């Protein structure tokens, strides 16, 4: 059954997200050597260390949140169909975050397909689990899909989050917890809701 998100407000969305990290973050991440929380926290930490925009930090932090908010649960290597976690995550965030953040969440899967089609060396960066999910998600984009994707005004940031997605799979990397990033998340929520 799909979770009920009707009680979320700008005042409790950050606590809700933090609670997800604490309750569900130790789940295995798609056959990778890190947990779900470690994966997302690593992407956000790398973005912060590189001095990237707060939108990129938060996009990386939340890009896979749909694995927890989807009615279908998390992906496994045994899956034979895509679970569309990117849509589930963007749907939950849409009322509280600007389109650049929701686009980073909604299109990080498409960005993998895009990069596989436009950057021949990118496929070599993918883990076994990422290749498996790529096949379920439609494989590399067609030229028509590439052209359509390139019209997204947030393309550059979506692609940055995709690269952080691939980077956030290191079993030996130490990161701060979700609450380290919570003030940044709240700033973005407040600015969006006030606009």
N, C-alpha and C. Protein backbone atom coordinates (compact mmCIF):
# COMPACT_ATOMS: atom_id res chain seq x y z
N UNK A 1 0.84 -1.19 0.00
CA UNK A 1 0.00 0.00 0.00
C UNK A 1 0.88 1.25 0.00
N UNK A 2 0.49 2.23 -0.74
CA UNK A 2 1.26 3.47 -0.86
C UNK A 2 1.19 4.26 0.45
N UNK A 3 2.37 4.73 0.94
CA UNK A 3 2.36 5.54 2.16
C UNK A 3 1.54 6.82 1.99
N UNK A 4 1.01 7.34 3.10
CA UNK A 4 0.22 8.57 3.08
C UNK A 4 1.13 9.75 3.39
N UNK A 5 1.25 10.67 2.45
CA UNK A 5 2.12 11.83 2.64
C UNK A 5 1.32 13.12 2.85
N UNK A 6 0.02 13.00 3.10
CA UNK A 6 -0.84 14.18 3.18
C UNK A 6 -0.57 15.03 4.42
N UNK A 7 0.12 14.50 5.41
CA UNK A 7 0.39 15.26 6.63
C UNK A 7 1.69 16.06 6.55
N UNK A 8 2.40 15.97 5.43
CA UNK A 8 3.67 16.68 5.30
C UNK A 8 3.44 18.17 5.07
N UNK A 9 4.28 18.99 5.73
CA UNK A 9 4.27 20.44 5.59
C UNK A 9 5.71 20.92 5.47
N UNK A 10 5.87 22.20 5.16
CA UNK A 10 7.23 22.75 5.09
C UNK A 10 7.92 22.68 6.44
N UNK A 11 7.13 22.60 7.54
CA UNK A 11 7.71 22.55 8.89
C UNK A 11 8.12 21.14 9.32
N UNK A 12 7.60 20.10 8.64
CA UNK A 12 7.98 18.76 9.08
C UNK A 12 8.61 17.90 7.98
N UNK A 13 8.74 18.41 6.76
CA UNK A 13 9.29 17.61 5.68
C UNK A 13 10.74 17.22 5.95
N UNK A 14 11.55 18.11 6.53
CA UNK A 14 12.95 17.79 6.77
C UNK A 14 13.07 16.71 7.86
N UNK A 15 12.26 16.82 8.92
CA UNK A 15 12.25 15.79 9.96
C UNK A 15 11.79 14.45 9.39
N UNK A 16 10.79 14.49 8.50
CA UNK A 16 10.30 13.28 7.84
C UNK A 16 11.43 12.61 7.05
N UNK A 17 12.18 13.40 6.28
CA UNK A 17 13.28 12.86 5.50
C UNK A 17 14.38 12.31 6.40
N UNK A 18 14.70 13.03 7.47
CA UNK A 18 15.71 12.55 8.41
C UNK A 18 15.29 11.24 9.06
N UNK A 19 14.02 11.13 9.37
CA UNK A 19 13.51 9.90 9.96
C UNK A 19 13.65 8.73 8.99
N UNK A 20 13.40 8.98 7.71
CA UNK A 20 13.58 7.93 6.70
C UNK A 20 15.04 7.46 6.69
N UNK A 21 15.97 8.39 6.72
CA UNK A 21 17.39 8.02 6.73
C UNK A 21 17.70 7.16 7.95
N UNK A 22 17.15 7.53 9.11
CA UNK A 22 17.45 6.80 10.34
C UNK A 22 16.78 5.42 10.37
N UNK A 23 15.53 5.35 9.93
CA UNK A 23 14.79 4.09 10.00
C UNK A 23 15.15 3.12 8.89
N UNK A 24 15.37 3.63 7.69
CA UNK A 24 15.52 2.77 6.52
C UNK A 24 16.91 2.79 5.90
N UNK A 25 17.75 3.69 6.35
CA UNK A 25 19.04 3.91 5.69
C UNK A 25 20.00 2.76 5.71
N UNK A 26 19.81 1.82 6.64
CA UNK A 26 20.72 0.68 6.71
C UNK A 26 20.38 -0.43 5.73
N UNK A 27 19.32 -0.21 4.93
CA UNK A 27 18.97 -1.21 3.93
C UNK A 27 20.08 -1.32 2.88
N UNK A 28 20.22 -2.52 2.35
CA UNK A 28 21.21 -2.76 1.31
C UNK A 28 20.90 -1.87 0.11
N UNK A 29 21.95 -1.34 -0.51
CA UNK A 29 21.76 -0.50 -1.69
C UNK A 29 22.03 -1.31 -2.96
N UNK A 30 21.02 -1.93 -3.49
CA UNK A 30 21.04 -2.52 -4.83
C UNK A 30 22.25 -3.38 -5.14
N UNK A 31 22.71 -4.17 -4.20
CA UNK A 31 23.86 -5.02 -4.46
C UNK A 31 25.19 -4.30 -4.42
N UNK A 32 25.20 -3.06 -3.93
CA UNK A 32 26.45 -2.28 -3.82
C UNK A 32 27.08 -2.51 -2.43
N UNK A 33 28.34 -2.11 -2.26
CA UNK A 33 29.01 -2.33 -0.97
C UNK A 33 28.71 -1.26 0.08
N UNK A 34 27.64 -0.50 -0.11
CA UNK A 34 27.23 0.54 0.84
C UNK A 34 25.73 0.41 1.10
N UNK A 35 25.26 1.00 2.19
CA UNK A 35 23.83 1.03 2.45
C UNK A 35 23.19 2.17 1.66
N UNK A 36 21.87 2.18 1.67
CA UNK A 36 21.14 3.26 1.00
C UNK A 36 21.55 4.63 1.54
N UNK A 37 21.59 4.76 2.89
CA UNK A 37 21.94 6.05 3.48
C UNK A 37 23.38 6.42 3.14
N UNK A 38 24.30 5.48 3.26
CA UNK A 38 25.70 5.77 2.93
C UNK A 38 25.83 6.28 1.50
N UNK A 39 25.11 5.65 0.59
CA UNK A 39 25.17 6.03 -0.82
C UNK A 39 24.75 7.50 -1.01
N UNK A 40 23.61 7.87 -0.46
CA UNK A 40 23.12 9.24 -0.66
C UNK A 40 23.97 10.24 0.11
N UNK A 41 24.40 9.88 1.32
CA UNK A 41 25.25 10.78 2.11
C UNK A 41 26.61 10.97 1.45
N UNK A 42 27.14 9.93 0.82
CA UNK A 42 28.41 10.08 0.12
C UNK A 42 28.29 11.07 -1.04
N UNK A 43 27.24 10.95 -1.81
CA UNK A 43 27.05 11.89 -2.92
C UNK A 43 26.98 13.32 -2.44
N UNK A 44 26.20 13.55 -1.36
CA UNK A 44 26.06 14.90 -0.81
C UNK A 44 27.38 15.40 -0.23
N UNK A 45 28.12 14.52 0.43
CA UNK A 45 29.41 14.90 1.03
C UNK A 45 30.43 15.26 -0.04
N UNK A 46 30.49 14.48 -1.10
CA UNK A 46 31.42 14.78 -2.20
C UNK A 46 31.06 16.13 -2.82
N UNK A 47 29.77 16.37 -3.01
CA UNK A 47 29.33 17.66 -3.57
C UNK A 47 29.74 18.81 -2.65
N UNK A 48 29.55 18.62 -1.35
CA UNK A 48 29.92 19.67 -0.39
C UNK A 48 31.43 19.89 -0.40
N UNK A 49 32.20 18.82 -0.41
CA UNK A 49 33.67 18.94 -0.42
C UNK A 49 34.17 19.65 -1.67
N UNK A 50 33.46 19.48 -2.78
CA UNK A 50 33.86 20.13 -4.04
C UNK A 50 33.35 21.56 -4.13
N UNK A 51 32.59 22.01 -3.13
CA UNK A 51 32.06 23.36 -3.14
C UNK A 51 30.95 23.58 -4.16
N UNK A 52 30.21 22.52 -4.48
CA UNK A 52 29.13 22.64 -5.46
C UNK A 52 27.92 23.36 -4.84
N UNK A 53 27.02 23.82 -5.68
CA UNK A 53 25.82 24.52 -5.22
C UNK A 53 25.04 23.70 -4.21
N UNK A 54 24.35 24.41 -3.31
CA UNK A 54 23.50 23.72 -2.34
C UNK A 54 22.44 22.88 -3.03
N UNK A 55 21.96 23.32 -4.19
CA UNK A 55 20.97 22.53 -4.94
C UNK A 55 21.54 21.18 -5.35
N UNK A 56 22.81 21.15 -5.71
CA UNK A 56 23.46 19.89 -6.09
C UNK A 56 23.64 19.01 -4.86
N UNK A 57 24.05 19.61 -3.75
CA UNK A 57 24.22 18.85 -2.50
C UNK A 57 22.91 18.18 -2.12
N UNK A 58 21.82 18.95 -2.14
CA UNK A 58 20.52 18.41 -1.74
C UNK A 58 20.00 17.43 -2.79
N UNK A 59 20.22 17.71 -4.06
CA UNK A 59 19.82 16.77 -5.10
C UNK A 59 20.50 15.42 -4.93
N UNK A 60 21.80 15.45 -4.63
CA UNK A 60 22.54 14.20 -4.40
C UNK A 60 22.05 13.50 -3.13
N UNK A 61 21.79 14.28 -2.09
CA UNK A 61 21.32 13.73 -0.82
C UNK A 61 19.99 13.00 -0.97
N UNK A 62 19.12 13.53 -1.82
CA UNK A 62 17.75 13.01 -1.90
C UNK A 62 17.44 12.24 -3.18
N UNK A 63 18.42 12.06 -4.06
CA UNK A 63 18.10 11.51 -5.38
C UNK A 63 17.45 10.13 -5.33
N UNK A 64 17.79 9.32 -4.34
CA UNK A 64 17.24 7.97 -4.25
C UNK A 64 16.18 7.81 -3.16
N UNK A 65 15.64 8.91 -2.66
CA UNK A 65 14.65 8.84 -1.58
C UNK A 65 13.42 8.03 -1.99
N UNK A 66 13.16 7.96 -3.27
CA UNK A 66 12.02 7.19 -3.77
C UNK A 66 12.10 5.71 -3.50
N UNK A 67 13.31 5.20 -3.24
CA UNK A 67 13.42 3.79 -2.85
C UNK A 67 12.67 3.54 -1.54
N UNK A 68 12.56 4.58 -0.71
CA UNK A 68 11.88 4.45 0.57
C UNK A 68 10.42 4.89 0.51
N UNK A 69 10.09 5.78 -0.41
CA UNK A 69 8.73 6.33 -0.44
C UNK A 69 7.84 5.62 -1.47
N UNK A 70 8.42 4.79 -2.31
CA UNK A 70 7.64 4.08 -3.31
C UNK A 70 6.81 2.98 -2.66
N UNK A 71 5.63 2.77 -3.18
CA UNK A 71 4.80 1.66 -2.70
C UNK A 71 5.40 0.32 -3.07
N UNK A 72 6.37 0.30 -3.98
CA UNK A 72 6.94 -0.95 -4.45
C UNK A 72 8.20 -1.37 -3.71
N UNK A 73 8.67 -0.54 -2.78
CA UNK A 73 9.87 -0.90 -2.02
C UNK A 73 11.14 -0.70 -2.81
N UNK A 74 12.24 -1.23 -2.29
CA UNK A 74 13.53 -1.00 -2.91
C UNK A 74 13.82 -2.03 -4.01
N UNK A 75 14.73 -1.66 -4.88
CA UNK A 75 15.18 -2.48 -6.01
C UNK A 75 16.05 -3.62 -5.50
N UNK A 76 16.04 -4.74 -6.20
CA UNK A 76 16.99 -5.81 -5.92
C UNK A 76 17.53 -6.35 -7.24
N UNK A 77 18.61 -7.08 -7.16
CA UNK A 77 19.24 -7.63 -8.36
C UNK A 77 18.37 -8.71 -9.01
N UNK A 78 17.35 -9.17 -8.29
CA UNK A 78 16.45 -10.18 -8.85
C UNK A 78 15.30 -9.54 -9.64
N UNK A 79 15.17 -8.22 -9.55
CA UNK A 79 14.07 -7.56 -10.23
C UNK A 79 14.12 -7.78 -11.75
N UNK A 80 12.94 -7.93 -12.32
CA UNK A 80 12.84 -8.07 -13.77
C UNK A 80 12.07 -6.90 -14.40
N UNK A 81 11.58 -5.98 -13.55
CA UNK A 81 10.90 -4.78 -14.02
C UNK A 81 11.37 -3.59 -13.21
N UNK A 82 11.37 -2.43 -13.84
CA UNK A 82 11.75 -1.19 -13.16
C UNK A 82 10.68 -0.81 -12.14
N UNK A 83 11.11 -0.23 -11.02
CA UNK A 83 10.17 0.18 -9.97
C UNK A 83 9.90 1.69 -9.97
N UNK A 84 10.55 2.44 -10.83
CA UNK A 84 10.33 3.87 -11.00
C UNK A 84 10.47 4.64 -9.68
N UNK A 85 11.54 4.33 -8.94
CA UNK A 85 11.78 5.03 -7.67
C UNK A 85 11.99 6.52 -7.88
N UNK A 86 12.49 6.90 -9.05
CA UNK A 86 12.75 8.32 -9.31
C UNK A 86 11.45 9.12 -9.34
N UNK A 87 10.40 8.54 -9.89
CA UNK A 87 9.10 9.22 -9.91
C UNK A 87 8.50 9.29 -8.51
N UNK A 88 8.63 8.20 -7.76
CA UNK A 88 8.09 8.17 -6.39
C UNK A 88 8.76 9.23 -5.53
N UNK A 89 10.08 9.38 -5.65
CA UNK A 89 10.79 10.38 -4.86
C UNK A 89 10.42 11.79 -5.25
N UNK A 90 10.37 12.06 -6.55
CA UNK A 90 10.03 13.41 -7.01
C UNK A 90 8.62 13.80 -6.60
N UNK A 91 7.71 12.83 -6.60
CA UNK A 91 6.33 13.10 -6.22
C UNK A 91 6.23 13.59 -4.77
N UNK A 92 6.98 12.96 -3.89
CA UNK A 92 6.94 13.35 -2.47
C UNK A 92 7.57 14.73 -2.26
N UNK A 93 8.61 15.03 -3.01
CA UNK A 93 9.36 16.29 -2.81
C UNK A 93 8.74 17.49 -3.52
N UNK A 94 7.90 17.25 -4.51
CA UNK A 94 7.44 18.32 -5.42
C UNK A 94 6.80 19.51 -4.73
N UNK A 95 6.07 19.30 -3.65
CA UNK A 95 5.39 20.42 -2.97
C UNK A 95 6.34 21.29 -2.17
N UNK A 96 7.55 20.81 -1.91
CA UNK A 96 8.44 21.50 -0.97
C UNK A 96 9.77 21.96 -1.57
N UNK A 97 10.09 21.50 -2.77
CA UNK A 97 11.40 21.78 -3.36
C UNK A 97 11.24 22.38 -4.75
N UNK A 98 12.20 23.22 -5.17
CA UNK A 98 12.14 23.79 -6.52
C UNK A 98 12.35 22.72 -7.58
N UNK A 99 12.00 23.05 -8.80
CA UNK A 99 12.08 22.07 -9.88
C UNK A 99 13.49 21.56 -10.11
N UNK A 100 14.51 22.35 -9.81
CA UNK A 100 15.87 21.86 -10.02
C UNK A 100 16.14 20.64 -9.13
N UNK A 101 15.64 20.65 -7.91
CA UNK A 101 15.83 19.50 -7.01
C UNK A 101 14.98 18.33 -7.48
N UNK A 102 13.70 18.59 -7.75
CA UNK A 102 12.83 17.48 -8.16
C UNK A 102 13.28 16.92 -9.51
N UNK A 103 13.83 17.75 -10.38
CA UNK A 103 14.35 17.25 -11.65
C UNK A 103 15.58 16.36 -11.42
N UNK A 104 16.43 16.74 -10.48
CA UNK A 104 17.61 15.90 -10.16
C UNK A 104 17.16 14.53 -9.66
N UNK A 105 16.07 14.49 -8.91
CA UNK A 105 15.52 13.23 -8.41
C UNK A 105 14.81 12.49 -9.56
N UNK A 106 13.92 13.17 -10.23
CA UNK A 106 13.09 12.54 -11.27
C UNK A 106 13.92 12.04 -12.45
N UNK A 107 15.00 12.74 -12.78
CA UNK A 107 15.73 12.41 -14.01
C UNK A 107 17.13 11.83 -13.79
N UNK A 108 17.48 11.44 -12.56
CA UNK A 108 18.82 10.87 -12.39
C UNK A 108 18.95 9.52 -13.10
N UNK A 109 17.85 8.80 -13.24
CA UNK A 109 17.87 7.55 -14.02
C UNK A 109 18.01 7.88 -15.51
N UNK A 110 17.23 8.83 -15.98
CA UNK A 110 17.33 9.25 -17.38
C UNK A 110 18.74 9.75 -17.69
N UNK A 111 19.37 10.41 -16.71
CA UNK A 111 20.73 10.92 -16.93
C UNK A 111 21.72 9.78 -17.15
N UNK A 112 21.51 8.67 -16.46
CA UNK A 112 22.37 7.50 -16.71
C UNK A 112 22.19 7.02 -18.15
N UNK A 113 20.95 6.92 -18.59
CA UNK A 113 20.66 6.51 -19.95
C UNK A 113 21.25 7.51 -20.96
N UNK A 114 21.15 8.80 -20.62
CA UNK A 114 21.67 9.87 -21.46
C UNK A 114 23.20 9.78 -21.59
N UNK A 115 23.87 9.62 -20.46
CA UNK A 115 25.33 9.57 -20.48
C UNK A 115 25.84 8.32 -21.19
N UNK A 116 25.13 7.21 -21.03
CA UNK A 116 25.53 6.00 -21.75
C UNK A 116 25.41 6.19 -23.26
N UNK A 117 24.47 7.03 -23.68
CA UNK A 117 24.28 7.29 -25.11
C UNK A 117 25.24 8.33 -25.65
N UNK A 118 25.67 9.28 -24.81
CA UNK A 118 26.45 10.42 -25.32
C UNK A 118 27.93 10.43 -24.91
N UNK A 119 28.28 9.66 -23.91
CA UNK A 119 29.67 9.60 -23.43
C UNK A 119 30.10 8.13 -23.42
N UNK A 120 30.78 7.68 -24.46
CA UNK A 120 31.11 6.26 -24.57
C UNK A 120 31.86 5.67 -23.37
N UNK A 121 32.65 6.48 -22.68
CA UNK A 121 33.41 5.96 -21.53
C UNK A 121 32.56 5.85 -20.26
N UNK A 122 31.38 6.45 -20.25
CA UNK A 122 30.57 6.46 -19.03
C UNK A 122 30.11 5.05 -18.64
N UNK A 123 29.74 4.25 -19.61
CA UNK A 123 29.26 2.89 -19.32
C UNK A 123 30.28 2.12 -18.48
N UNK A 124 31.56 2.37 -18.73
CA UNK A 124 32.62 1.68 -17.98
C UNK A 124 32.67 2.03 -16.51
N UNK A 125 32.04 3.13 -16.11
CA UNK A 125 31.98 3.52 -14.70
C UNK A 125 30.91 2.76 -13.93
N UNK A 126 29.96 2.16 -14.64
CA UNK A 126 28.81 1.57 -13.99
C UNK A 126 29.15 0.26 -13.29
N UNK A 127 28.57 0.11 -12.11
CA UNK A 127 28.71 -1.14 -11.37
C UNK A 127 27.79 -2.19 -12.00
N UNK A 128 27.95 -3.44 -11.57
CA UNK A 128 27.09 -4.51 -12.07
C UNK A 128 25.62 -4.22 -11.78
N UNK A 129 25.33 -3.72 -10.58
CA UNK A 129 23.95 -3.40 -10.21
C UNK A 129 23.40 -2.26 -11.07
N UNK A 130 24.25 -1.28 -11.35
CA UNK A 130 23.82 -0.14 -12.16
C UNK A 130 23.55 -0.56 -13.61
N UNK A 131 24.33 -1.50 -14.10
CA UNK A 131 24.10 -2.03 -15.45
C UNK A 131 22.78 -2.81 -15.49
N UNK A 132 22.54 -3.60 -14.44
CA UNK A 132 21.29 -4.36 -14.36
C UNK A 132 20.09 -3.42 -14.38
N UNK A 133 20.15 -2.37 -13.55
CA UNK A 133 19.03 -1.43 -13.51
C UNK A 133 18.92 -0.66 -14.84
N UNK A 134 20.05 -0.34 -15.47
CA UNK A 134 20.02 0.33 -16.77
C UNK A 134 19.22 -0.48 -17.78
N UNK A 135 19.44 -1.78 -17.79
CA UNK A 135 18.72 -2.64 -18.73
C UNK A 135 17.22 -2.63 -18.45
N UNK A 136 16.83 -2.59 -17.17
CA UNK A 136 15.42 -2.53 -16.81
C UNK A 136 14.82 -1.16 -17.16
N UNK A 137 15.65 -0.13 -17.16
CA UNK A 137 15.19 1.24 -17.36
C UNK A 137 15.18 1.68 -18.82
N UNK A 138 15.50 0.78 -19.73
CA UNK A 138 15.40 1.10 -21.15
C UNK A 138 16.71 1.19 -21.89
N UNK A 139 17.84 1.00 -21.19
CA UNK A 139 19.13 1.06 -21.86
C UNK A 139 19.49 2.48 -22.27
N UNK A 140 20.58 2.65 -23.01
CA UNK A 140 20.98 3.98 -23.48
C UNK A 140 19.87 4.64 -24.28
N UNK A 141 19.79 5.96 -24.19
CA UNK A 141 18.76 6.72 -24.91
C UNK A 141 18.96 6.64 -26.41
N UNK A 142 17.86 6.74 -27.12
CA UNK A 142 17.89 6.88 -28.58
C UNK A 142 18.28 8.33 -28.91
N UNK A 143 18.68 8.61 -30.14
CA UNK A 143 18.99 9.99 -30.51
C UNK A 143 17.82 10.95 -30.26
N UNK A 144 16.60 10.49 -30.46
CA UNK A 144 15.42 11.32 -30.23
C UNK A 144 15.26 11.61 -28.73
N UNK A 145 15.49 10.60 -27.91
CA UNK A 145 15.40 10.80 -26.46
C UNK A 145 16.49 11.75 -25.97
N UNK A 146 17.69 11.63 -26.52
CA UNK A 146 18.80 12.53 -26.18
C UNK A 146 18.41 13.97 -26.49
N UNK A 147 17.89 14.20 -27.68
CA UNK A 147 17.52 15.55 -28.09
C UNK A 147 16.45 16.13 -27.16
N UNK A 148 15.47 15.33 -26.78
CA UNK A 148 14.42 15.80 -25.88
C UNK A 148 14.99 16.09 -24.49
N UNK A 149 15.86 15.20 -24.00
CA UNK A 149 16.43 15.36 -22.66
C UNK A 149 17.29 16.62 -22.58
N UNK A 150 17.99 16.93 -23.65
CA UNK A 150 18.88 18.09 -23.66
C UNK A 150 18.12 19.41 -23.60
N UNK A 151 16.81 19.38 -23.78
CA UNK A 151 16.01 20.60 -23.67
C UNK A 151 15.64 20.93 -22.22
N UNK A 152 15.93 20.04 -21.28
CA UNK A 152 15.61 20.32 -19.88
C UNK A 152 16.52 21.45 -19.39
N UNK A 153 15.95 22.54 -18.85
CA UNK A 153 16.78 23.66 -18.40
C UNK A 153 17.69 23.31 -17.22
N UNK A 154 17.42 22.21 -16.54
CA UNK A 154 18.24 21.79 -15.40
C UNK A 154 19.22 20.68 -15.76
N UNK A 155 19.45 20.47 -17.06
CA UNK A 155 20.28 19.36 -17.52
C UNK A 155 21.63 19.29 -16.83
N UNK A 156 22.34 20.40 -16.75
CA UNK A 156 23.69 20.39 -16.19
C UNK A 156 23.69 19.88 -14.75
N UNK A 157 22.75 20.34 -13.96
CA UNK A 157 22.71 19.91 -12.55
C UNK A 157 22.23 18.46 -12.42
N UNK A 158 21.32 18.05 -13.26
CA UNK A 158 20.89 16.65 -13.25
C UNK A 158 22.08 15.73 -13.53
N UNK A 159 22.89 16.08 -14.51
CA UNK A 159 24.06 15.28 -14.87
C UNK A 159 25.08 15.30 -13.73
N UNK A 160 25.26 16.46 -13.08
CA UNK A 160 26.17 16.51 -11.93
C UNK A 160 25.72 15.54 -10.84
N UNK A 161 24.43 15.51 -10.56
CA UNK A 161 23.92 14.59 -9.54
C UNK A 161 24.13 13.14 -9.99
N UNK A 162 23.99 12.88 -11.28
CA UNK A 162 24.22 11.51 -11.78
C UNK A 162 25.65 11.07 -11.54
N UNK A 163 26.61 11.96 -11.80
CA UNK A 163 28.01 11.61 -11.54
C UNK A 163 28.24 11.37 -10.05
N UNK A 164 27.58 12.14 -9.20
CA UNK A 164 27.69 11.93 -7.76
C UNK A 164 27.05 10.61 -7.35
N UNK A 165 25.99 10.23 -8.04
CA UNK A 165 25.34 8.94 -7.80
C UNK A 165 26.36 7.81 -8.01
N UNK A 166 27.10 7.86 -9.10
CA UNK A 166 28.09 6.82 -9.37
C UNK A 166 29.25 6.88 -8.38
N UNK A 167 29.59 8.08 -7.91
CA UNK A 167 30.73 8.23 -6.99
C UNK A 167 30.39 7.74 -5.58
N UNK A 168 29.13 7.75 -5.21
CA UNK A 168 28.74 7.44 -3.83
C UNK A 168 28.55 5.97 -3.55
N UNK A 169 29.60 5.18 -3.81
CA UNK A 169 29.52 3.73 -3.62
C UNK A 169 30.80 3.18 -3.00
N UNK A 170 31.41 3.97 -2.10
CA UNK A 170 32.71 3.60 -1.52
C UNK A 170 32.54 3.05 -0.12
N UNK A 171 32.86 1.79 0.10
CA UNK A 171 32.64 1.18 1.41
C UNK A 171 33.48 1.79 2.53
N UNK A 172 34.56 2.48 2.18
CA UNK A 172 35.47 3.01 3.20
C UNK A 172 35.29 4.51 3.47
N UNK A 173 34.29 5.14 2.87
CA UNK A 173 34.15 6.60 3.00
C UNK A 173 33.32 6.97 4.22
N UNK A 174 33.87 7.88 5.03
CA UNK A 174 33.16 8.41 6.19
C UNK A 174 32.39 9.66 5.77
N UNK A 175 31.18 9.79 6.27
CA UNK A 175 30.37 10.97 5.96
C UNK A 175 29.68 11.45 7.23
N UNK A 176 29.24 12.71 7.25
CA UNK A 176 28.35 13.14 8.33
C UNK A 176 26.98 12.49 8.11
N UNK A 177 26.12 12.59 9.12
CA UNK A 177 24.78 12.03 8.98
C UNK A 177 23.84 13.02 8.30
N UNK A 178 22.60 12.63 8.14
CA UNK A 178 21.62 13.47 7.46
C UNK A 178 21.49 14.84 8.13
N UNK A 179 21.57 14.87 9.46
CA UNK A 179 21.31 16.11 10.20
C UNK A 179 22.35 17.19 9.93
N UNK A 180 23.53 16.78 9.49
CA UNK A 180 24.54 17.76 9.06
C UNK A 180 24.00 18.60 7.89
N UNK A 181 23.25 17.94 6.99
CA UNK A 181 22.73 18.61 5.80
C UNK A 181 21.35 19.22 6.01
N UNK A 182 20.71 18.89 7.13
CA UNK A 182 19.33 19.34 7.37
C UNK A 182 19.15 20.86 7.25
N UNK A 183 20.07 21.69 7.78
CA UNK A 183 19.88 23.15 7.63
C UNK A 183 19.85 23.60 6.16
N UNK A 184 20.66 22.97 5.32
CA UNK A 184 20.67 23.31 3.89
C UNK A 184 19.33 22.91 3.27
N UNK A 185 18.87 21.71 3.61
CA UNK A 185 17.60 21.22 3.09
C UNK A 185 16.48 22.17 3.50
N UNK A 186 16.48 22.57 4.78
CA UNK A 186 15.41 23.46 5.27
C UNK A 186 15.45 24.82 4.59
N UNK A 187 16.66 25.34 4.33
CA UNK A 187 16.79 26.63 3.63
C UNK A 187 16.15 26.56 2.25
N UNK A 188 16.41 25.47 1.55
CA UNK A 188 15.85 25.32 0.21
C UNK A 188 14.34 25.18 0.27
N UNK A 189 13.83 24.41 1.24
CA UNK A 189 12.39 24.26 1.42
C UNK A 189 11.74 25.62 1.74
N UNK A 190 12.34 26.34 2.68
CA UNK A 190 11.77 27.64 3.08
C UNK A 190 11.75 28.63 1.93
N UNK A 191 12.85 28.68 1.16
CA UNK A 191 12.91 29.62 0.03
C UNK A 191 11.88 29.25 -1.02
N UNK A 192 11.72 27.96 -1.28
CA UNK A 192 10.74 27.54 -2.29
C UNK A 192 9.31 27.82 -1.84
N UNK A 193 9.01 27.48 -0.59
CA UNK A 193 7.64 27.66 -0.09
C UNK A 193 7.28 29.13 0.07
N UNK A 194 8.28 29.99 0.26
CA UNK A 194 8.02 31.43 0.40
C UNK A 194 7.84 32.11 -0.95
N UNK A 195 8.35 31.46 -2.00
CA UNK A 195 8.31 32.07 -3.34
C UNK A 195 6.89 32.11 -3.89
